[in-house]
């Protein structure tokens, strides 16, 4: 994986807080096949083909999912995700991941309800299921619970 640009919070993953105007290899991930990368305002999240999630950069709002509010200049695996992850995303100061089983994990800033707490969490998971008789359900039954990190939230669907 390669990165370049603004690096003032370590979001380039090169081990420092320098900006780069040329392409640099993120050496920490050189042994992994990265299939998806998302960037927030000052953090980066990557997904490997094995379903592992790595995060680095600014962590002041818990957006790295590492159980603290520290900055990380190198990619670190988000180890408290218990399932194989198939999709990731980032907002300004929050991150999300979806497991193969359909569980949605959210962590970081919840200033505007973007983690699905005290907000309409069906906006994140709204689906239409057609039953055998052709009836359509209104959507999944959604439950929310805290994870290992106080800043991590699991939103689980049950159909």
Protein backbone atom coordinates (compact mmCIF):
# COMPACT_ATOMS: atom_id res chain seq x y z
CA UNK A 1 0.00 0.00 0.00
CA UNK A 2 1.18 3.53 -0.74
CA UNK A 3 0.31 6.94 0.69
CA UNK A 4 1.09 10.60 0.18
CA UNK A 5 -0.31 14.04 1.09
CA UNK A 6 -1.03 15.62 4.45
CA UNK A 7 0.42 13.63 7.33
CA UNK A 8 0.24 15.96 10.34
CA UNK A 9 -1.59 13.34 12.46
CA UNK A 10 0.30 10.27 11.25
CA UNK A 11 -2.51 9.38 8.82
CA UNK A 12 -0.05 8.41 6.08
CA UNK A 13 1.14 5.43 8.14
CA UNK A 14 4.84 6.05 7.52
CA UNK A 15 5.84 6.34 11.19
CA UNK A 16 5.94 10.13 11.44
CA UNK A 17 3.77 13.25 11.28
CA UNK A 18 5.28 14.64 8.08
CA UNK A 19 3.41 15.48 4.91
CA UNK A 20 4.66 13.78 1.75
CA UNK A 21 4.52 15.18 -1.77
CA UNK A 22 5.77 11.92 -3.26
CA UNK A 23 4.45 8.37 -3.02
CA UNK A 24 5.66 6.41 0.05
CA UNK A 25 5.22 2.73 0.85
CA UNK A 26 3.35 1.92 4.06
CA UNK A 27 5.89 -0.72 5.10
CA UNK A 28 3.90 -2.02 8.07
CA UNK A 29 1.29 -3.41 5.67
CA UNK A 30 3.73 -4.79 3.09
CA UNK A 31 2.96 -8.39 4.10
CA UNK A 32 -0.81 -7.91 3.72
CA UNK A 33 -3.01 -7.72 0.65
CA UNK A 34 -5.03 -4.53 1.23
CA UNK A 35 -8.38 -4.55 -0.60
CA UNK A 36 -9.95 -1.31 0.68
CA UNK A 37 -8.79 1.95 2.28
CA UNK A 38 -10.82 4.85 3.68
CA UNK A 39 -9.69 8.17 5.10
CA UNK A 40 -11.26 10.45 7.66
CA UNK A 41 -10.13 13.98 8.44
CA UNK A 42 -6.96 12.78 10.22
CA UNK A 43 -7.12 8.98 10.26
CA UNK A 44 -6.98 6.07 7.84
CA UNK A 45 -8.55 2.60 7.97
CA UNK A 46 -7.54 -0.33 5.75
CA UNK A 47 -9.12 -3.74 5.14
CA UNK A 48 -7.10 -6.81 4.15
CA UNK A 49 -8.23 -9.75 2.06
CA UNK A 50 -8.21 -11.81 5.30
CA UNK A 51 -10.88 -9.52 6.78
CA UNK A 52 -8.51 -7.76 9.17
CA UNK A 53 -8.88 -4.03 9.83
CA UNK A 54 -5.92 -1.71 10.44
CA UNK A 55 -6.16 1.90 11.62
CA UNK A 56 -3.73 4.78 12.09
CA UNK A 57 -3.52 8.55 12.39
CA UNK A 58 -5.39 10.85 14.78
CA UNK A 59 -7.34 9.03 17.47
CA UNK A 60 -8.58 11.85 19.70
CA UNK A 61 -12.23 10.78 19.31
CA UNK A 62 -11.64 7.00 19.42
CA UNK A 63 -11.91 6.76 15.62
CA UNK A 64 -9.06 4.22 15.43
CA UNK A 65 -11.00 1.66 17.47
CA UNK A 66 -7.95 0.73 19.53
CA UNK A 67 -9.49 1.37 22.95
CA UNK A 68 -7.68 4.67 23.56
CA UNK A 69 -7.60 8.24 22.28
CA UNK A 70 -3.99 8.24 21.12
CA UNK A 71 -2.43 9.06 17.76
CA UNK A 72 -0.80 6.16 15.93
CA UNK A 73 1.81 6.87 13.24
CA UNK A 74 1.85 3.28 11.98
CA UNK A 75 -1.02 0.90 11.10
CA UNK A 76 -2.26 -1.17 14.06
CA UNK A 77 -4.77 -4.00 13.79
CA UNK A 78 -8.19 -3.24 15.27
CA UNK A 79 -8.22 -6.44 17.29
CA UNK A 80 -11.54 -6.08 19.12
CA UNK A 81 -13.52 -6.77 15.94
CA UNK A 82 -14.54 -10.36 16.52
CA UNK A 83 -15.79 -11.29 13.06
CA UNK A 84 -14.38 -11.39 9.55
CA UNK A 85 -14.88 -7.89 8.15
CA UNK A 86 -15.95 -7.42 4.53
CA UNK A 87 -16.48 -3.65 4.29
CA UNK A 88 -15.14 -0.52 5.99
CA UNK A 89 -15.75 3.21 5.90
CA UNK A 90 -14.74 6.47 7.57
CA UNK A 91 -16.29 9.79 8.32
CA UNK A 92 -14.57 12.89 9.60
CA UNK A 93 -13.89 11.41 13.06
CA UNK A 94 -15.57 8.00 13.06
CA UNK A 95 -15.14 4.61 11.43
CA UNK A 96 -17.42 1.73 10.51
CA UNK A 97 -17.01 -1.93 9.60
CA UNK A 98 -19.42 -4.62 8.41
CA UNK A 99 -18.77 -8.30 9.15
CA UNK A 100 -19.48 -11.23 6.87
CA UNK A 101 -22.36 -12.10 9.21
CA UNK A 102 -23.94 -8.67 8.66
CA UNK A 103 -22.93 -7.03 11.92
CA UNK A 104 -22.21 -3.31 11.75
CA UNK A 105 -19.49 -1.94 14.05
CA UNK A 106 -19.13 1.81 14.58
CA UNK A 107 -16.61 3.78 16.64
CA UNK A 108 -15.31 7.30 17.16
CA UNK A 109 -17.18 10.60 17.40
CA UNK A 110 -20.95 10.48 17.82
CA UNK A 111 -21.45 14.25 17.78
CA UNK A 112 -24.29 14.04 15.25
CA UNK A 113 -25.47 10.48 15.96
CA UNK A 114 -23.28 9.00 13.23
CA UNK A 115 -22.51 5.90 15.34
CA UNK A 116 -26.16 4.89 15.55
CA UNK A 117 -26.58 5.80 19.20
CA UNK A 118 -29.55 8.08 19.98
CA UNK A 119 -30.16 8.35 16.26
CA UNK A 120 -32.20 6.58 13.63
CA UNK A 121 -29.82 3.65 13.15
CA UNK A 122 -32.04 2.17 10.46
CA UNK A 123 -30.57 4.81 8.14
CA UNK A 124 -27.43 2.67 8.10
CA UNK A 125 -29.12 -0.70 7.57
CA UNK A 126 -32.50 -0.08 5.93
CA UNK A 127 -33.39 -3.13 3.86
CA UNK A 128 -36.46 -4.62 2.25
CA UNK A 129 -37.04 -8.36 2.69
CA UNK A 130 -39.65 -10.14 0.62
CA UNK A 131 -41.21 -13.17 2.29
CA UNK A 132 -42.50 -16.28 0.53
CA UNK A 133 -45.99 -14.79 0.23
CA UNK A 134 -44.59 -11.63 -1.35
CA UNK A 135 -45.00 -9.47 1.75
CA UNK A 136 -42.37 -6.85 2.46
CA UNK A 137 -40.93 -6.25 5.92
CA UNK A 138 -40.21 -2.77 7.22
CA UNK A 139 -36.57 -3.57 7.95
CA UNK A 140 -34.32 -5.36 10.42
CA UNK A 141 -34.70 -5.52 14.17
CA UNK A 142 -31.64 -3.63 15.41
CA UNK A 143 -29.97 -3.93 18.78
CA UNK A 144 -27.04 -1.94 20.07
CA UNK A 145 -24.43 -2.95 22.65
CA UNK A 146 -21.05 -1.72 23.86
CA UNK A 147 -17.89 -3.54 22.77
CA UNK A 148 -14.45 -3.90 24.36
CA UNK A 149 -13.62 -0.26 23.77
CA UNK A 150 -16.05 2.26 25.28
CA UNK A 151 -15.88 4.12 21.98
CA UNK A 152 -16.84 1.05 19.91
CA UNK A 153 -20.45 0.19 19.23
CA UNK A 154 -21.90 -2.98 17.71
CA UNK A 155 -25.13 -2.62 15.80
CA UNK A 156 -26.45 -6.10 15.10
CA UNK A 157 -29.33 -6.98 12.84
CA UNK A 158 -31.74 -9.85 13.44
CA UNK A 159 -34.22 -10.80 10.76
